[in-house]
Amino acid sequence: MSTRSTRREVRNPVLALPAAQRLQEAPQDTRDLLRNLLLDLKKDAAERASECWRKHKAPMAVYWKAVSVYAGHIARVLKTPN
């Protein structure tokens, strides 16, 4: 088993997108508002994924899990400017 990369772009693929830098340059209040929205989306999507998995609806569970993960990745981009 290989160890996970320590490069930020590998752990969070959103950082490799050109728009990620532009998001980090947005005003703090805008970043905070968008980050809160994305964290709400992440939580809601994770709950939907769990519910779908419980009901044996694996394709929808995978979809909602992906939504949750990407919302979290984007929220982390907005956390602090680099």
C-alpha atoms as a PDB file:
ATOM      1  CA  MET A   1       0.000   0.000   0.000  1.00  0.00           C
ATOM      2  CA  SER A   2       1.410   3.381  -0.944  1.00  0.00           C
ATOM      3  CA  THR A   3       1.227   6.437   1.282  1.00  0.00           C
ATOM      4  CA  ARG A   4      -1.055   9.305   0.356  1.00  0.00           C
ATOM      5  CA  SER A   5       0.488  12.297  -1.312  1.00  0.00           C
ATOM      6  CA  THR A   6       1.140  15.359   0.798  1.00  0.00           C
ATOM      7  CA  ARG A   7       0.570  17.693  -2.148  1.00  0.00           C
ATOM      8  CA  ARG A   8      -2.473  19.882  -1.525  1.00  0.00           C
ATOM      9  CA  GLU A   9      -3.712  19.490  -5.124  1.00  0.00           C
ATOM     10  CA  VAL A  10      -3.839  15.707  -4.724  1.00  0.00           C
ATOM     11  CA  ARG A  11      -5.738  15.792  -1.453  1.00  0.00           C
ATOM     12  CA  ASN A  12      -8.090  18.530  -2.734  1.00  0.00           C
ATOM     13  CA  PRO A  13      -8.418  18.455  -6.550  1.00  0.00           C
ATOM     14  CA  VAL A  14     -10.398  21.711  -6.522  1.00  0.00           C
ATOM     15  CA  LEU A  15      -7.150  23.557  -5.750  1.00  0.00           C
ATOM     16  CA  ALA A  16      -5.841  22.623  -9.206  1.00  0.00           C
ATOM     17  CA  LEU A  17      -8.674  24.512 -10.910  1.00  0.00           C
ATOM     18  CA  PRO A  18      -7.960  28.044 -12.158  1.00  0.00           C
ATOM     19  CA  ALA A  19     -11.088  29.406 -10.457  1.00  0.00           C
ATOM     20  CA  ALA A  20      -9.846  28.241  -7.037  1.00  0.00           C
ATOM     21  CA  GLN A  21      -7.332  31.084  -6.920  1.00  0.00           C
ATOM     22  CA  ARG A  22     -10.026  33.594  -7.892  1.00  0.00           C
ATOM     23  CA  LEU A  23     -12.247  32.270  -5.087  1.00  0.00           C
ATOM     24  CA  GLN A  24      -9.438  32.808  -2.592  1.00  0.00           C
ATOM     25  CA  GLU A  25      -9.127  36.427  -3.775  1.00  0.00           C
ATOM     26  CA  ALA A  26     -12.817  37.206  -3.119  1.00  0.00           C
ATOM     27  CA  PRO A  27     -13.726  39.475  -0.190  1.00  0.00           C
ATOM     28  CA  GLN A  28     -13.780  37.710   3.189  1.00  0.00           C
ATOM     29  CA  ASP A  29     -17.523  38.241   3.760  1.00  0.00           C
ATOM     30  CA  THR A  30     -18.317  36.701   0.361  1.00  0.00           C
ATOM     31  CA  ARG A  31     -16.056  33.722   1.063  1.00  0.00           C
ATOM     32  CA  ASP A  32     -17.666  33.230   4.480  1.00  0.00           C
ATOM     33  CA  LEU A  33     -21.184  33.306   3.033  1.00  0.00           C
ATOM     34  CA  LEU A  34     -20.350  30.867   0.241  1.00  0.00           C
ATOM     35  CA  ARG A  35     -18.423  28.606   2.629  1.00  0.00           C
ATOM     36  CA  ASN A  36     -21.407  28.406   4.987  1.00  0.00           C
ATOM     37  CA  LEU A  37     -23.672  27.499   2.072  1.00  0.00           C
ATOM     38  CA  LEU A  38     -21.284  24.771   0.950  1.00  0.00           C
ATOM     39  CA  LEU A  39     -20.939  23.355   4.459  1.00  0.00           C
ATOM     40  CA  ASP A  40     -24.745  23.166   4.688  1.00  0.00           C
ATOM     41  CA  LEU A  41     -24.804  21.425   1.311  1.00  0.00           C
ATOM     42  CA  LYS A  42     -22.094  19.019   2.454  1.00  0.00           C
ATOM     43  CA  LYS A  43     -24.045  18.078   5.576  1.00  0.00           C
ATOM     44  CA  ASP A  44     -27.351  17.689   3.707  1.00  0.00           C
ATOM     45  CA  ALA A  45     -25.768  15.612   0.936  1.00  0.00           C
ATOM     46  CA  ALA A  46     -24.024  13.335   3.462  1.00  0.00           C
ATOM     47  CA  GLU A  47     -27.360  12.738   5.217  1.00  0.00           C
ATOM     48  CA  ARG A  48     -29.030  11.966   1.876  1.00  0.00           C
ATOM     49  CA  ALA A  49     -26.222   9.558   0.995  1.00  0.00           C
ATOM     50  CA  SER A  50     -26.662   7.697   4.288  1.00  0.00           C
ATOM     51  CA  GLU A  51     -30.416   7.501   3.794  1.00  0.00           C
ATOM     52  CA  CYS A  52     -30.060   6.212   0.227  1.00  0.00           C
ATOM     53  CA  TRP A  53     -27.535   3.613   1.376  1.00  0.00           C
ATOM     54  CA  ARG A  54     -29.884   2.498   4.139  1.00  0.00           C
ATOM     55  CA  LYS A  55     -32.668   2.081   1.542  1.00  0.00           C
ATOM     56  CA  HIS A  56     -30.326   0.064  -0.737  1.00  0.00           C
ATOM     57  CA  LYS A  57     -30.236   2.768  -3.408  1.00  0.00           C
ATOM     58  CA  ALA A  58     -26.506   2.597  -4.036  1.00  0.00           C
ATOM     59  CA  PRO A  59     -26.350   4.744  -7.228  1.00  0.00           C
ATOM     60  CA  MET A  60     -28.046   7.672  -5.494  1.00  0.00           C
ATOM     61  CA  ALA A  61     -25.938   7.134  -2.366  1.00  0.00           C
ATOM     62  CA  VAL A  62     -22.787   7.433  -4.485  1.00  0.00           C
ATOM     63  CA  TYR A  63     -24.129  10.573  -6.164  1.00  0.00           C
ATOM     64  CA  TRP A  64     -24.914  12.293  -2.851  1.00  0.00           C
ATOM     65  CA  LYS A  65     -21.584  11.195  -1.368  1.00  0.00           C
ATOM     66  CA  ALA A  66     -19.756  12.812  -4.306  1.00  0.00           C
ATOM     67  CA  VAL A  67     -21.785  16.015  -3.845  1.00  0.00           C
ATOM     68  CA  SER A  68     -20.835  16.032  -0.168  1.00  0.00           C
ATOM     69  CA  VAL A  69     -17.133  15.481  -0.834  1.00  0.00           C
ATOM     70  CA  TYR A  70     -16.853  18.173  -3.505  1.00  0.00           C
ATOM     71  CA  ALA A  71     -18.820  20.682  -1.429  1.00  0.00           C
ATOM     72  CA  GLY A  72     -16.311  20.050   1.363  1.00  0.00           C
ATOM     73  CA  HIS A  73     -13.353  20.481  -0.985  1.00  0.00           C
ATOM     74  CA  ILE A  74     -14.675  23.823  -2.223  1.00  0.00           C
ATOM     75  CA  ALA A  75     -15.499  24.959   1.325  1.00  0.00           C
ATOM     76  CA  ARG A  76     -11.892  24.283   2.344  1.00  0.00           C
ATOM     77  CA  VAL A  77     -10.637  26.417  -0.544  1.00  0.00           C
ATOM     78  CA  LEU A  78     -12.678  29.283   0.890  1.00  0.00           C
ATOM     79  CA  LYS A  79     -11.545  28.788   4.495  1.00  0.00           C
ATOM     80  CA  THR A  80      -8.496  31.038   4.453  1.00  0.00           C
ATOM     81  CA  PRO A  81      -6.736  33.005   1.758  1.00  0.00           C
ATOM     82  CA  ASN A  82      -3.313  31.689   0.711  1.00  0.00           C
END
